[in-house]
N, C-alpha and C. Protein backbone atom coordinates (compact mmCIF):
# COMPACT_ATOMS: atom_id res chain seq x y z
N ARG A 1 0.81 -1.25 -0.08
CA ARG A 1 0.04 0.00 -0.04
C ARG A 1 1.01 1.22 -0.15
N GLU A 2 0.46 2.18 -0.77
CA GLU A 2 1.37 3.39 -0.96
C GLU A 2 1.20 4.32 0.25
N ASN A 3 2.11 5.02 0.71
CA ASN A 3 2.01 6.00 1.66
C ASN A 3 1.34 7.21 1.16
N SER A 4 0.22 7.48 1.88
CA SER A 4 -0.52 8.76 1.46
C SER A 4 0.09 9.88 2.00
N GLU A 5 0.45 10.86 1.09
CA GLU A 5 1.16 12.18 1.60
C GLU A 5 0.25 13.26 1.23
N ASN A 6 0.37 14.28 2.19
CA ASN A 6 -0.55 15.52 1.96
C ASN A 6 -0.05 16.35 0.67
N ILE A 7 -0.91 16.44 -0.21
CA ILE A 7 -0.40 17.09 -1.56
C ILE A 7 0.14 18.45 -1.25
N LEU A 8 -0.14 19.10 -0.21
CA LEU A 8 0.30 20.51 -0.13
C LEU A 8 1.56 20.31 0.92
N SER A 9 2.09 19.44 1.18
CA SER A 9 3.19 19.37 2.25
C SER A 9 4.52 19.49 1.72
N SER A 10 4.66 19.47 0.48
CA SER A 10 6.01 19.51 -0.16
C SER A 10 6.72 20.92 0.24
N ALA A 11 7.92 20.87 0.84
CA ALA A 11 8.75 22.05 1.04
C ALA A 11 9.23 22.70 -0.14
N ASN A 12 9.38 22.14 -1.26
CA ASN A 12 9.79 22.63 -2.46
C ASN A 12 8.68 23.36 -3.50
N ARG A 13 7.46 22.99 -3.03
CA ARG A 13 6.34 23.44 -3.81
C ARG A 13 6.14 24.99 -3.48
N LEU A 14 5.78 25.70 -4.70
CA LEU A 14 5.70 27.16 -4.60
C LEU A 14 4.13 27.65 -5.09
N LEU A 15 3.54 28.24 -4.36
CA LEU A 15 2.28 28.87 -4.70
C LEU A 15 2.54 30.17 -5.58
N LEU A 16 2.14 30.03 -6.84
CA LEU A 16 2.40 31.20 -7.85
C LEU A 16 1.27 32.11 -7.67
N HIS A 17 0.11 31.72 -7.57
CA HIS A 17 -1.13 32.59 -7.71
C HIS A 17 -2.37 31.93 -7.11
N GLU A 18 -3.21 32.63 -6.74
CA GLU A 18 -4.55 32.11 -6.15
C GLU A 18 -5.66 33.19 -6.58
N GLY A 19 -6.83 32.77 -6.51
CA GLY A 19 -7.87 33.54 -6.65
C GLY A 19 -9.22 32.91 -7.02
N LYS A 20 -10.11 33.84 -6.98
CA LYS A 20 -11.67 33.22 -7.08
C LYS A 20 -12.12 33.40 -8.72
N LEU A 21 -12.69 32.36 -8.93
CA LEU A 21 -13.16 32.31 -10.39
C LEU A 21 -14.71 31.72 -10.35
N MET A 22 -15.37 31.83 -11.56
CA MET A 22 -16.73 31.36 -11.78
C MET A 22 -16.49 30.18 -12.80
N LEU A 23 -16.79 28.98 -12.20
CA LEU A 23 -16.71 27.68 -13.15
C LEU A 23 -17.99 27.45 -13.84
N ALA A 24 -18.07 27.36 -15.15
CA ALA A 24 -19.21 27.15 -15.78
C ALA A 24 -19.48 25.64 -15.99
N GLU A 25 -20.28 25.00 -15.29
CA GLU A 25 -20.69 23.84 -15.49
C GLU A 25 -21.75 23.66 -16.52
N SER A 26 -22.30 22.35 -16.83
CA SER A 26 -23.21 22.20 -17.99
C SER A 26 -24.52 22.98 -17.52
N THR A 27 -25.04 22.96 -16.43
CA THR A 27 -26.18 23.58 -16.06
C THR A 27 -26.25 24.64 -15.10
N ARG A 28 -25.07 24.96 -14.45
CA ARG A 28 -25.04 25.94 -13.33
C ARG A 28 -23.46 26.65 -13.28
N LEU A 29 -23.52 27.73 -12.57
CA LEU A 29 -22.20 28.46 -12.39
C LEU A 29 -21.88 27.99 -10.82
N LEU A 30 -20.48 27.76 -10.79
CA LEU A 30 -20.02 27.37 -9.32
C LEU A 30 -18.82 28.42 -9.07
N ASP A 31 -19.16 28.88 -7.79
CA ASP A 31 -17.87 29.66 -7.30
C ASP A 31 -16.71 28.81 -6.89
N VAL A 32 -15.60 29.11 -7.49
CA VAL A 32 -14.39 28.22 -7.12
C VAL A 32 -13.09 29.07 -6.71
N TYR A 33 -12.30 28.46 -6.04
CA TYR A 33 -11.09 29.12 -5.66
C TYR A 33 -10.02 28.33 -6.23
N LEU A 34 -9.04 28.84 -7.03
CA LEU A 34 -7.97 28.25 -7.54
C LEU A 34 -6.60 28.63 -6.94
N PHE A 35 -5.81 27.58 -6.72
CA PHE A 35 -4.59 27.77 -6.35
C PHE A 35 -3.52 27.16 -7.34
N LEU A 36 -2.85 28.05 -7.85
CA LEU A 36 -1.80 27.70 -8.94
C LEU A 36 -0.43 27.51 -8.35
N PHE A 37 0.01 26.20 -8.27
CA PHE A 37 1.39 25.81 -7.73
C PHE A 37 2.40 25.71 -8.95
N ASP A 38 3.50 25.68 -8.71
CA ASP A 38 4.46 25.63 -9.66
C ASP A 38 4.56 24.16 -10.33
N ASP A 39 3.74 23.22 -9.91
CA ASP A 39 3.61 21.78 -10.51
C ASP A 39 2.27 21.42 -10.77
N PHE A 40 1.16 22.13 -10.11
CA PHE A 40 -0.05 21.75 -10.46
C PHE A 40 -1.13 22.78 -10.07
N LEU A 41 -2.32 22.72 -10.69
CA LEU A 41 -3.51 23.33 -10.45
C LEU A 41 -4.38 22.71 -9.56
N LEU A 42 -4.81 23.37 -8.49
CA LEU A 42 -5.77 22.96 -7.55
C LEU A 42 -7.08 23.73 -7.57
N ILE A 43 -8.15 23.15 -7.89
CA ILE A 43 -9.47 23.73 -7.96
C ILE A 43 -10.29 23.26 -6.75
N THR A 44 -10.60 24.38 -6.00
CA THR A 44 -11.50 24.08 -4.74
C THR A 44 -12.79 24.74 -5.02
N LYS A 45 -13.87 24.07 -4.14
CA LYS A 45 -15.28 24.68 -4.26
C LYS A 45 -15.36 25.50 -3.00
N ILE A 46 -15.88 26.71 -3.23
CA ILE A 46 -16.03 27.79 -2.02
C ILE A 46 -17.47 27.23 -1.37
N LYS A 47 -17.41 26.88 0.01
CA LYS A 47 -18.41 26.59 0.75
C LYS A 47 -18.70 27.59 1.95
N ARG A 48 -19.92 27.84 2.19
CA ARG A 48 -20.11 28.91 3.33
C ARG A 48 -20.72 28.10 4.46
N ASN A 49 -20.39 28.15 5.54
CA ASN A 49 -20.78 27.46 6.84
C ASN A 49 -21.93 28.21 7.20
N LYS A 50 -23.10 27.41 7.31
CA LYS A 50 -24.48 27.82 7.53
C LYS A 50 -24.63 27.98 9.03
N LYS A 51 -23.90 27.39 9.69
CA LYS A 51 -23.93 27.49 11.33
C LYS A 51 -23.30 28.72 11.72
N LYS A 52 -23.82 29.48 12.60
CA LYS A 52 -23.15 30.70 13.17
C LYS A 52 -22.32 30.11 14.37
N TYR A 53 -21.30 30.64 14.66
CA TYR A 53 -20.37 30.33 15.88
C TYR A 53 -21.07 31.07 17.06
N GLY A 54 -21.50 30.21 18.04
CA GLY A 54 -22.25 30.56 19.15
C GLY A 54 -21.78 31.75 19.89
N GLY A 55 -21.88 32.99 19.39
CA GLY A 55 -21.48 34.22 19.96
C GLY A 55 -19.82 34.57 20.04
N SER A 56 -19.40 33.56 19.64
CA SER A 56 -17.87 33.68 19.72
C SER A 56 -17.38 34.58 18.57
N ASP A 57 -16.20 35.45 18.95
CA ASP A 57 -15.72 36.42 18.11
C ASP A 57 -15.02 35.73 17.00
N THR A 58 -15.48 35.67 15.64
CA THR A 58 -14.60 35.09 14.66
C THR A 58 -13.43 35.72 14.26
N SER A 59 -13.34 36.97 14.77
CA SER A 59 -12.10 37.67 14.27
C SER A 59 -11.01 37.22 14.95
N LEU A 60 -11.22 36.43 16.16
CA LEU A 60 -10.07 35.80 17.01
C LEU A 60 -9.62 34.59 16.36
N ILE A 61 -10.16 33.99 15.25
CA ILE A 61 -9.81 32.63 14.74
C ILE A 61 -8.42 32.87 14.17
N PRO A 62 -7.37 31.99 14.44
CA PRO A 62 -6.01 32.20 13.65
C PRO A 62 -6.17 31.76 12.26
N ILE A 63 -5.63 32.80 11.49
CA ILE A 63 -5.71 32.51 10.08
C ILE A 63 -4.22 32.64 9.60
N CYS A 64 -3.86 31.85 8.64
CA CYS A 64 -2.55 31.77 8.18
C CYS A 64 -2.30 33.19 7.38
N PRO A 65 -1.30 33.96 7.72
CA PRO A 65 -1.09 35.30 7.45
C PRO A 65 -0.65 35.19 5.87
N SER A 66 -0.14 34.06 5.24
CA SER A 66 0.20 34.09 3.82
C SER A 66 -1.07 33.99 3.02
N LEU A 67 -2.22 33.88 3.38
CA LEU A 67 -3.41 33.82 2.68
C LEU A 67 -3.73 35.18 2.15
N THR A 68 -4.35 35.32 1.09
CA THR A 68 -4.86 36.66 0.59
C THR A 68 -5.82 37.32 1.56
N PRO A 69 -6.14 38.46 1.79
CA PRO A 69 -7.00 39.19 2.55
C PRO A 69 -8.34 38.73 2.41
N GLU A 70 -8.72 38.37 1.00
CA GLU A 70 -9.99 38.05 0.59
C GLU A 70 -10.30 36.60 1.18
N LEU A 71 -9.37 35.71 1.03
CA LEU A 71 -9.53 34.40 1.49
C LEU A 71 -9.60 34.36 3.12
N GLN A 72 -8.82 35.25 3.65
CA GLN A 72 -8.76 35.31 5.28
C GLN A 72 -10.08 35.84 5.73
N SER A 73 -10.60 36.81 5.13
CA SER A 73 -12.05 37.31 5.55
C SER A 73 -13.18 36.21 5.39
N PHE A 74 -12.89 35.48 4.21
CA PHE A 74 -13.97 34.55 3.81
C PHE A 74 -13.84 33.55 4.94
N ILE A 75 -12.72 33.08 5.40
CA ILE A 75 -12.57 31.91 6.51
C ILE A 75 -13.10 32.50 7.68
N ARG A 76 -12.76 33.93 8.08
CA ARG A 76 -13.30 34.41 9.26
C ARG A 76 -14.91 34.35 9.34
N GLU A 77 -15.59 34.26 8.09
CA GLU A 77 -16.87 34.44 7.99
C GLU A 77 -17.62 32.98 8.11
N GLY A 78 -16.71 31.99 8.42
CA GLY A 78 -17.09 30.57 8.51
C GLY A 78 -17.12 29.84 7.11
N GLY A 79 -16.51 30.44 6.18
CA GLY A 79 -16.48 29.69 4.90
C GLY A 79 -15.18 28.90 4.84
N PHE A 80 -15.30 27.94 3.92
CA PHE A 80 -13.78 27.15 3.63
C PHE A 80 -13.88 26.56 2.27
N CYS A 81 -12.75 26.02 1.68
CA CYS A 81 -12.62 25.51 0.48
C CYS A 81 -12.37 23.95 0.56
N SER A 82 -13.11 23.36 -0.25
CA SER A 82 -13.05 21.94 -0.32
C SER A 82 -12.48 21.57 -1.65
N VAL A 83 -11.71 20.57 -1.90
CA VAL A 83 -11.03 20.19 -3.14
C VAL A 83 -12.09 19.61 -3.96
N LEU A 84 -12.31 20.25 -5.13
CA LEU A 84 -13.25 19.80 -6.05
C LEU A 84 -12.97 18.51 -6.86
N ASP A 85 -11.61 18.33 -7.36
CA ASP A 85 -11.22 17.36 -8.14
C ASP A 85 -9.78 17.18 -7.96
N GLN A 86 -9.16 16.00 -8.59
CA GLN A 86 -7.76 15.81 -8.58
C GLN A 86 -6.93 17.08 -8.80
N PRO A 87 -5.73 17.23 -8.42
CA PRO A 87 -4.89 18.36 -8.88
C PRO A 87 -4.59 18.15 -10.41
N ILE A 88 -4.55 19.14 -11.22
CA ILE A 88 -4.18 19.07 -12.40
C ILE A 88 -2.62 19.29 -12.72
N PRO A 89 -1.76 18.45 -13.18
CA PRO A 89 -0.49 18.61 -13.18
C PRO A 89 -0.30 19.54 -14.36
N LEU A 90 0.69 20.66 -14.22
CA LEU A 90 0.80 21.61 -15.17
C LEU A 90 1.23 21.14 -16.63
N ASP A 91 1.92 20.00 -16.71
CA ASP A 91 2.43 19.49 -17.85
C ASP A 91 1.37 18.70 -18.59
N ARG A 92 0.12 18.81 -18.16
CA ARG A 92 -0.98 18.01 -18.61
C ARG A 92 -2.07 19.18 -18.87
N LEU A 93 -1.79 20.53 -18.61
CA LEU A 93 -2.91 21.39 -18.72
C LEU A 93 -2.71 22.23 -19.80
N ILE A 94 -3.77 22.49 -20.58
CA ILE A 94 -3.74 23.24 -21.80
C ILE A 94 -4.69 24.50 -21.54
N LEU A 95 -4.16 25.73 -21.86
CA LEU A 95 -4.94 26.91 -21.70
C LEU A 95 -5.29 27.34 -23.03
N LYS A 96 -6.59 27.92 -23.14
CA LYS A 96 -7.15 28.36 -24.45
C LYS A 96 -7.85 29.62 -24.05
N ASN A 97 -7.78 30.73 -24.90
CA ASN A 97 -8.51 31.89 -24.84
C ASN A 97 -9.99 31.58 -25.30
N VAL A 98 -11.00 32.01 -24.68
CA VAL A 98 -12.31 31.80 -25.06
C VAL A 98 -13.05 33.27 -25.06
N GLU A 99 -14.13 33.26 -25.90
CA GLU A 99 -14.86 34.55 -26.00
C GLU A 99 -15.70 34.85 -24.67
N PRO A 100 -15.91 36.05 -24.12
CA PRO A 100 -16.59 36.05 -22.96
C PRO A 100 -18.18 35.72 -23.21
N VAL A 101 -18.75 34.95 -22.32
CA VAL A 101 -20.04 34.72 -22.49
C VAL A 101 -21.12 35.87 -22.34
C-alpha cells in the first residue's frame, strides 16, 4: 500500500497565484477558488458554513497570514474551500482563450 502524503506538504512547492473564479458547469455556475502551484493547479469549491459560531468572536480565529486578505475574511466568516477534483499537473494542462459569454 502506498504511503499517502498531503499534496500540499512539499517544502519545495511554490504557490504562484490564487484567486476566485466562476466555473461554468453544464447547467450552473459554481464559485471556485484556484491555487496555482509551480507543479499543479488545484481547484477548490467555495463553501459557506450555515452555522453561526455561538456568539464567539470569529475575528479571533487564527488565520494563516500568507493567505490573501479576501480568503482570510472569507474563512473568518465561516467559509472554507474543499477540493473539487484531482490536482491538474501543469504538464497536462492546456490553456485556451475563449470569448466572454
